[in-house]
Protein backbone atom coordinates (compact mmCIF):
# COMPACT_ATOMS: atom_id res chain seq x y z
CA UNK A 1 -40.10 -4.49 57.44
CA UNK A 2 -37.71 -7.26 58.48
CA UNK A 3 -34.03 -7.02 57.62
CA UNK A 4 -32.36 -9.75 55.58
CA UNK A 5 -30.50 -11.29 58.52
CA UNK A 6 -33.83 -11.57 60.34
CA UNK A 7 -35.24 -13.61 57.46
CA UNK A 8 -32.15 -15.70 56.66
CA UNK A 9 -30.01 -16.72 59.64
CA UNK A 10 -27.06 -17.39 57.32
CA UNK A 11 -26.64 -13.63 56.97
CA UNK A 12 -26.28 -13.06 60.71
CA UNK A 13 -22.85 -11.69 61.66
CA UNK A 14 -22.04 -13.46 64.92
CA UNK A 15 -19.48 -11.58 66.98
CA UNK A 16 -20.44 -13.16 70.29
CA UNK A 17 -17.51 -14.85 72.05
CA UNK A 18 -18.68 -16.60 75.19
CA UNK A 19 -16.05 -19.33 75.81
CA UNK A 20 -15.32 -19.28 79.57
CA UNK A 21 -11.76 -20.61 79.17
CA UNK A 22 -10.57 -18.14 76.52
CA UNK A 23 -7.24 -16.30 76.78
CA UNK A 24 -6.33 -13.47 74.40
CA UNK A 25 -2.80 -12.93 73.06
CA UNK A 26 -1.69 -9.60 71.65
CA UNK A 27 -0.14 -10.14 68.21
CA UNK A 28 2.20 -7.20 68.85
CA UNK A 29 3.68 -9.05 71.82
CA UNK A 30 4.02 -12.34 69.94
CA UNK A 31 5.96 -11.11 66.93
CA UNK A 32 6.94 -14.65 65.90
CA UNK A 33 3.51 -15.00 64.31
CA UNK A 34 3.49 -11.78 62.22
CA UNK A 35 4.37 -11.94 58.50
CA UNK A 36 4.25 -9.40 55.67
CA UNK A 37 4.14 -6.40 58.01
CA UNK A 38 6.47 -4.35 60.14
CA UNK A 39 5.42 -3.13 63.55
CA UNK A 40 6.62 -0.14 65.52
CA UNK A 41 3.74 1.85 66.97
CA UNK A 42 1.60 0.84 63.97
CA UNK A 43 1.37 -2.03 61.53
CA UNK A 44 3.11 -0.95 58.32
CA UNK A 45 4.04 -2.47 54.98
CA UNK A 46 7.19 -0.35 54.79
CA UNK A 47 8.89 2.13 57.13
CA UNK A 48 7.23 5.53 57.41
CA UNK A 49 10.35 7.42 56.30
CA UNK A 50 10.64 5.28 53.18
CA UNK A 51 6.95 5.83 52.37
CA UNK A 52 7.39 9.60 52.79
CA UNK A 53 10.23 9.56 50.27
CA UNK A 54 7.97 8.08 47.56
CA UNK A 55 4.68 10.03 47.38
CA UNK A 56 1.68 11.10 49.43
CA UNK A 57 -0.54 8.21 48.36
CA UNK A 58 2.09 5.69 49.39
CA UNK A 59 2.47 7.42 52.75
CA UNK A 60 -1.30 7.36 53.35
CA UNK A 61 -1.67 3.72 52.34
CA UNK A 62 1.52 2.16 53.70
CA UNK A 63 -0.35 1.40 56.94
CA UNK A 64 -3.10 -0.48 55.07
CA UNK A 65 -2.41 -4.10 55.98
CA UNK A 66 -2.63 -5.89 52.60
CA UNK A 67 -0.45 -8.99 52.61
CA UNK A 68 -0.19 -9.15 56.38
CA UNK A 69 -0.56 -12.60 57.93
CA UNK A 70 -0.73 -14.13 61.40
CA UNK A 71 0.68 -17.69 61.47
CA UNK A 72 0.92 -20.08 64.39
CA UNK A 73 0.24 -23.64 65.48
CA UNK A 74 -2.30 -24.44 68.18
CA UNK A 75 -4.34 -27.36 69.48
CA UNK A 76 -7.12 -25.07 70.68
CA UNK A 77 -10.64 -26.23 69.76
CA UNK A 78 -11.35 -22.69 68.60
CA UNK A 79 -9.56 -19.57 67.40
CA UNK A 80 -11.08 -16.17 68.09
CA UNK A 81 -9.99 -12.68 67.10
CA UNK A 82 -10.68 -9.32 68.64
CA UNK A 83 -9.57 -6.44 66.43
CA UNK A 84 -9.39 -2.70 66.87
CA UNK A 85 -9.51 -0.67 63.68
CA UNK A 86 -11.08 2.55 62.43
CA UNK A 87 -14.12 1.57 60.34
CA UNK A 88 -13.88 3.99 57.44
CA UNK A 89 -16.48 4.91 54.84
CA UNK A 90 -17.59 1.98 52.70
CA UNK A 91 -16.01 1.61 49.27
CA UNK A 92 -18.50 1.40 46.38
CA UNK A 93 -16.40 -1.13 44.45
CA UNK A 94 -15.21 -3.38 47.23
CA UNK A 95 -16.92 -5.73 49.71
CA UNK A 96 -16.43 -4.82 53.36
CA UNK A 97 -15.18 -8.38 53.89
CA UNK A 98 -12.20 -7.67 51.63
CA UNK A 99 -11.57 -4.14 52.79
CA UNK A 100 -11.82 -4.69 56.55
CA UNK A 101 -12.25 -8.43 57.15
CA UNK A 102 -9.85 -11.14 58.28
CA UNK A 103 -10.02 -14.69 56.92
CA UNK A 104 -8.67 -17.85 58.54
CA UNK A 105 -6.99 -20.83 56.88
CA UNK A 106 -6.59 -24.18 58.61
CA UNK A 107 -3.61 -26.12 57.26
CA UNK A 108 -3.67 -23.94 54.12
CA UNK A 109 -7.40 -24.47 53.43
CA UNK A 110 -9.91 -21.67 53.86
CA UNK A 111 -12.02 -22.24 56.95
CA UNK A 112 -13.58 -19.03 58.26
CA UNK A 113 -14.34 -15.43 57.31
CA UNK A 114 -14.35 -12.99 60.21
CA UNK A 115 -17.01 -10.62 58.92
CA UNK A 116 -17.01 -6.99 60.09
CA UNK A 117 -20.52 -5.81 61.01
CA UNK A 118 -21.71 -2.90 58.89
CA UNK A 119 -22.40 -0.86 62.03
CA UNK A 120 -19.02 -1.52 63.67
CA UNK A 121 -17.38 1.66 64.90
CA UNK A 122 -13.87 0.79 66.07
CA UNK A 123 -13.47 -2.97 65.70
CA UNK A 124 -15.19 -6.31 66.04
CA UNK A 125 -14.79 -9.87 67.34
CA UNK A 126 -15.18 -13.29 65.73
CA UNK A 127 -14.60 -16.96 66.44
CA UNK A 128 -13.88 -20.12 64.43
CA UNK A 129 -14.79 -23.38 66.17
CA UNK A 130 -13.30 -26.74 65.19
CA UNK A 131 -14.75 -30.23 65.53
CA UNK A 132 -11.81 -31.52 67.57
CA UNK A 133 -8.86 -30.28 69.58
CA UNK A 134 -5.70 -31.14 67.65
CA UNK A 135 -2.66 -29.27 66.38
CA UNK A 136 -3.36 -27.11 63.37
CA UNK A 137 -1.40 -24.60 61.34
CA UNK A 138 -3.45 -21.42 61.42
CA UNK A 139 -3.01 -18.55 58.96
CA UNK A 140 -5.11 -15.41 59.37
CA UNK A 141 -4.92 -12.83 56.58
CA UNK A 142 -5.14 -9.14 57.46
CA UNK A 143 -7.58 -6.81 55.65
CA UNK A 144 -6.57 -5.36 52.29
CA UNK A 145 -7.62 -1.72 52.48
CA UNK A 146 -7.68 -0.48 56.05
CA UNK A 147 -5.34 0.31 58.92
CA UNK A 148 -5.41 -2.05 61.89
CA UNK A 149 -4.66 -0.76 65.38
CA UNK A 150 -4.66 -3.98 67.43
CA UNK A 151 -5.23 -7.70 66.92
CA UNK A 152 -5.78 -10.19 69.72
CA UNK A 153 -5.89 -13.96 69.18
CA UNK A 154 -8.21 -15.89 71.52
CA UNK A 155 -7.38 -19.52 72.37
CA UNK A 156 -8.42 -22.04 74.98
CA UNK A 157 -6.48 -21.38 78.19
CA UNK A 158 -4.90 -24.86 78.17
CA UNK A 159 -4.05 -24.85 74.46
CA UNK A 160 -0.60 -24.50 72.93
CA UNK A 161 0.41 -21.37 71.01
CA UNK A 162 3.54 -22.15 69.01
CA UNK A 163 5.61 -20.73 66.21
CA UNK A 164 4.50 -21.90 62.77
CA UNK A 165 6.93 -24.02 60.73
CA UNK A 166 8.96 -22.12 58.16
CA UNK A 167 7.44 -21.70 54.75
CA UNK A 168 8.31 -24.68 52.58
CA UNK A 169 9.92 -22.33 50.07
CA UNK A 170 12.64 -20.26 51.68
CA UNK A 171 12.46 -17.50 49.07
CA UNK A 172 10.57 -14.26 49.73
CA UNK A 173 8.60 -12.58 46.94
CA UNK A 174 7.91 -8.84 46.85
CA UNK A 175 5.03 -7.49 44.75
CA UNK A 176 5.03 -3.80 43.78
CA UNK A 177 2.12 -2.29 41.93
CA UNK A 178 -1.32 -0.75 41.81
CA UNK A 179 -4.69 -1.25 43.47
CA UNK A 180 -4.91 -4.66 41.80
CA UNK A 181 -1.68 -5.68 43.52
CA UNK A 182 -3.06 -4.36 46.82
CA UNK A 183 -6.10 -6.60 46.36
CA UNK A 184 -8.95 -4.53 44.89
CA UNK A 185 -11.60 -5.88 44.65
CA UNK A 186 -11.30 -9.34 46.25
CA UNK A 187 -14.24 -10.41 48.39
CA UNK A 188 -11.89 -11.49 51.17
CA UNK A 189 -8.15 -11.05 51.77
CA UNK A 190 -7.09 -14.61 50.97
CA UNK A 191 -8.39 -14.22 47.41
CA UNK A 192 -6.05 -11.40 46.36
CA UNK A 193 -3.72 -12.95 43.78
CA UNK A 194 -0.65 -12.30 45.93
CA UNK A 195 -2.16 -14.16 48.89
CA UNK A 196 -3.41 -16.96 46.64
CA UNK A 197 0.09 -17.53 45.29
CA UNK A 198 1.72 -17.36 48.72
CA UNK A 199 -0.69 -19.94 50.09
CA UNK A 200 -0.53 -22.25 47.06
CA UNK A 201 3.24 -22.27 46.68
CA UNK A 202 4.03 -21.84 50.39
CA UNK A 203 6.27 -18.77 50.30
CA UNK A 204 6.54 -15.60 52.36
CA UNK A 205 5.75 -12.35 50.58
CA UNK A 206 5.44 -8.58 50.92
CA UNK A 207 2.60 -6.67 49.28
CA UNK A 208 3.57 -3.17 48.15
CA UNK A 209 0.46 -2.46 46.12
CA UNK A 210 -0.61 1.18 46.48
CA UNK A 211 -3.93 2.17 45.00
CA UNK A 212 -3.48 5.02 42.50
CA UNK A 213 0.02 5.66 43.84
CA UNK A 214 2.50 3.27 42.18
CA UNK A 215 4.42 5.54 39.81
CA UNK A 216 7.78 3.83 39.61
CA UNK A 217 9.77 6.38 41.62
CA UNK A 218 13.45 5.61 42.09
CA UNK A 219 12.98 6.07 45.83
CA UNK A 220 10.72 3.01 45.76
CA UNK A 221 13.30 1.08 43.76
CA UNK A 222 15.88 1.96 46.43
CA UNK A 223 13.60 0.76 49.20
CA UNK A 224 12.76 -2.51 47.47
CA UNK A 225 16.46 -3.09 46.83
CA UNK A 226 17.14 -2.55 50.55
CA UNK A 227 14.60 -5.28 51.37
CA UNK A 228 16.48 -7.53 48.93
CA UNK A 229 13.66 -9.94 48.04
CA UNK A 230 14.48 -13.22 46.34
CA UNK A 231 11.96 -12.47 43.57
CA UNK A 232 10.61 -9.06 42.59
CA UNK A 233 7.27 -8.68 40.76
CA UNK A 234 7.04 -5.28 39.02
CA UNK A 235 3.34 -4.68 38.38
CA UNK A 236 2.60 -0.95 38.26
CA UNK A 237 1.35 -0.55 34.67
CA UNK A 238 -2.15 0.40 35.83
CA UNK A 239 -1.00 3.46 37.77
CA UNK A 240 1.10 5.06 35.03
CA UNK A 241 -1.22 7.92 33.98
CA UNK A 242 -0.15 7.83 30.32
CA UNK A 243 1.86 5.59 27.99
CA UNK A 244 4.45 8.34 27.85
CA UNK A 245 4.79 8.31 31.63
CA UNK A 246 5.15 4.54 31.59
CA UNK A 247 7.83 4.74 28.91
CA UNK A 248 9.67 7.42 30.85
CA UNK A 249 9.69 5.62 34.21
CA UNK A 250 9.54 1.85 33.70
CA UNK A 251 12.96 1.24 32.19
CA UNK A 252 14.63 3.73 34.52
CA UNK A 253 13.10 1.92 37.48
CA UNK A 254 14.23 -1.47 36.18
CA UNK A 255 17.78 -0.32 35.43
CA UNK A 256 18.12 1.49 38.76
CA UNK A 257 16.99 -1.57 40.70
CA UNK A 258 19.08 -3.92 38.56
CA UNK A 259 22.22 -1.88 39.21
CA UNK A 260 21.76 -2.45 42.95
CA UNK A 261 20.47 -6.05 42.75
CA UNK A 262 22.16 -7.59 39.70
CA UNK A 263 20.92 -11.17 40.24
CA UNK A 264 17.39 -10.90 41.61
CA UNK A 265 14.74 -12.34 39.28
CA UNK A 266 12.44 -9.53 38.10
CA UNK A 267 9.01 -10.31 36.68
CA UNK A 268 7.59 -7.49 34.54
CA UNK A 269 3.78 -7.67 34.44
CA UNK A 270 1.33 -5.79 32.24
CA UNK A 271 -2.20 -4.96 33.31
CA UNK A 272 -5.04 -7.44 32.82
CA UNK A 273 -7.38 -6.40 30.08
CA UNK A 274 -10.99 -6.62 28.97
CA UNK A 275 -12.33 -5.79 25.53
CA UNK A 276 -13.66 -2.55 27.00
CA UNK A 277 -10.14 -1.48 28.00
CA UNK A 278 -8.42 -2.12 24.69
CA UNK A 279 -9.55 1.25 23.37
CA UNK A 280 -7.68 3.19 26.05
CA UNK A 281 -4.12 2.58 24.86
CA UNK A 282 -3.84 -0.76 26.65
CA UNK A 283 -1.90 -2.37 23.79
CA UNK A 284 0.42 0.61 23.54
CA UNK A 285 1.24 0.32 27.24
CA UNK A 286 1.65 -3.45 26.98
CA UNK A 287 4.06 -3.03 24.05
CA UNK A 288 6.15 -0.49 25.97
CA UNK A 289 6.80 -3.00 28.76
CA UNK A 290 7.43 -5.82 26.29
CA UNK A 291 10.02 -3.67 24.48
CA UNK A 292 11.75 -2.90 27.79
CA UNK A 293 11.81 -6.60 28.58
CA UNK A 294 13.22 -7.41 25.12
CA UNK A 295 15.99 -4.82 25.57
CA UNK A 296 16.82 -6.28 28.98
CA UNK A 297 17.17 -9.74 27.44
CA UNK A 298 19.22 -8.36 24.54
CA UNK A 299 21.55 -6.68 27.04
CA UNK A 300 22.31 -10.07 28.59
CA UNK A 301 19.97 -10.05 31.60
CA UNK A 302 18.94 -13.68 32.11
CA UNK A 303 16.98 -13.00 35.28
CA UNK A 304 14.15 -10.95 33.86
CA UNK A 305 10.74 -12.39 32.97
CA UNK A 306 7.60 -11.10 31.29
CA UNK A 307 3.89 -11.77 31.88
CA UNK A 308 1.40 -10.41 29.35
CA UNK A 309 -1.78 -9.23 31.09
CA UNK A 310 -3.87 -10.34 28.12
CA UNK A 311 -3.10 -13.92 29.18
CA UNK A 312 -4.74 -13.50 32.58
CA UNK A 313 -8.39 -13.65 31.56
CA UNK A 314 -8.38 -14.53 27.86
CA UNK A 315 -11.88 -15.01 26.47
CA UNK A 316 -13.31 -15.05 30.01
CA UNK A 317 -12.60 -11.32 30.41
CA UNK A 318 -16.32 -10.50 30.64
CA UNK A 319 -16.64 -12.47 33.91
CA UNK A 320 -13.41 -11.43 35.64
CA UNK A 321 -13.79 -7.85 36.83
CA UNK A 322 -15.98 -5.67 39.01
CA UNK A 323 -15.76 -2.61 36.76
CA UNK A 324 -13.78 -3.60 33.63
CA UNK A 325 -10.62 -2.84 35.62
CA UNK A 326 -10.40 -4.34 39.11
CA UNK A 327 -10.56 -8.15 39.32
CA UNK A 328 -13.32 -10.01 41.07
CA UNK A 329 -12.52 -13.34 42.74
CA UNK A 330 -12.50 -15.24 39.45
CA UNK A 331 -10.23 -12.61 37.94
CA UNK A 332 -7.77 -12.96 40.80
CA UNK A 333 -7.88 -16.75 40.61
CA UNK A 334 -7.00 -16.67 36.92
CA UNK A 335 -4.25 -14.11 37.55
CA UNK A 336 -2.77 -16.42 40.18
CA UNK A 337 -2.98 -19.36 37.75
CA UNK A 338 -0.98 -17.47 35.12
CA UNK A 339 1.51 -15.93 37.55
CA UNK A 340 2.14 -19.35 39.08
CA UNK A 341 3.57 -20.58 35.77
CA UNK A 342 6.28 -17.92 35.96
CA UNK A 343 6.92 -17.79 39.71
CA UNK A 344 6.92 -21.50 40.53
CA UNK A 345 10.08 -22.38 38.54
CA UNK A 346 11.91 -19.50 40.23
CA UNK A 347 11.12 -20.90 43.68
C-alpha cells in the first residue's frame, strides 16, 4: 500500500540541498546571530550550575532550546539549515514540527517550516528559496522540546551575512513557567505564545518554561534576578501540584525576587482554563494568585500586574487545547492576544 507522501506530494519532506554555490556557517562561531540561548559546549537556556540548584527536571530540560532564535540579514536567494540533534521518542501530545522543527520568518512574517523527517536519526537538512536576491531580515526559531547539538546556516557563497538590527523595543522579557510557557503543544516553534509576542512586539526574550518542573524555588528567583530582565512574567501556576503548594510558594517567590529587583515589572499569570478543568480546583488556585497580587498592590507595589487565565480563551475554550490543558495553535494565539494587552504598555 502506498504511503501518504507517495499519494500527495505536499506531504513530502524535502531535505535535499543541491545548490552548488552554498556555504555553511556554524551558528556557534557567529554568536552575533544567537538570541534567547547561552552557548558553552551546549546550547542552554540557563547555566548548568544554576539549573542544578533548582531541581532535576529543570536540569534535564534547561538544554531544550525553547525560545532560541537565529537572527541575521542576508541577500542570499535561499537560506538552508543543517542541524545535528538527537531525535528522541515522539511525544503523543505534540507535533514533531513543534518538538524538533525549526521555522523561518522573513521580515517578521512566517515563510518556511523546516520539517524533521520521522525517520531522522541524528539531524536533518532543509532549505527555503526566495523569488529574488535582496536583503532580508531572517529569524529562525529553535525547536521547543529537544536539545540541539549543532546548527549550520547555508547561504549563497557571494551573499552577505550580517548582524540583524536591534530589536525595536530595547527591553528584554523573561518568561518563567510550565510546559505551556515552554511551548507545549504548538505545531511549530513560532506559534508558542512567547515567540508570538516577541515577534509581534519586536522584543528580545528568554523562555524559562520547564515542563512539570516549575515549582517556584527561591534558587530560580535568584537566577532570574541575576539576569535582571526588564519585564518578568511569572507563569508557573500549572506546575504547583496543589493549591496549598501554590499558596506556600508563590508569594515567597514574588517577595524574594522583589527584594532583589524592586522596580522590575512583574506580571502574575494564572493558568488558562476550560470547563473541564474548573472542577479540579482551578478557581481556588486562580484566587490564591489574585489575593497575592492584591496584597502586593496594597503594600504599595505599583509595578505588579495580573492576568486572569480565564480571559485567555473565554467561550472558545472548547477549541483551544489539545487535551483540555495544553494549548493548540489557536489557544496560543488567544493567549498572546491577551498577554499583549498587559505587556505592550510596559514596553
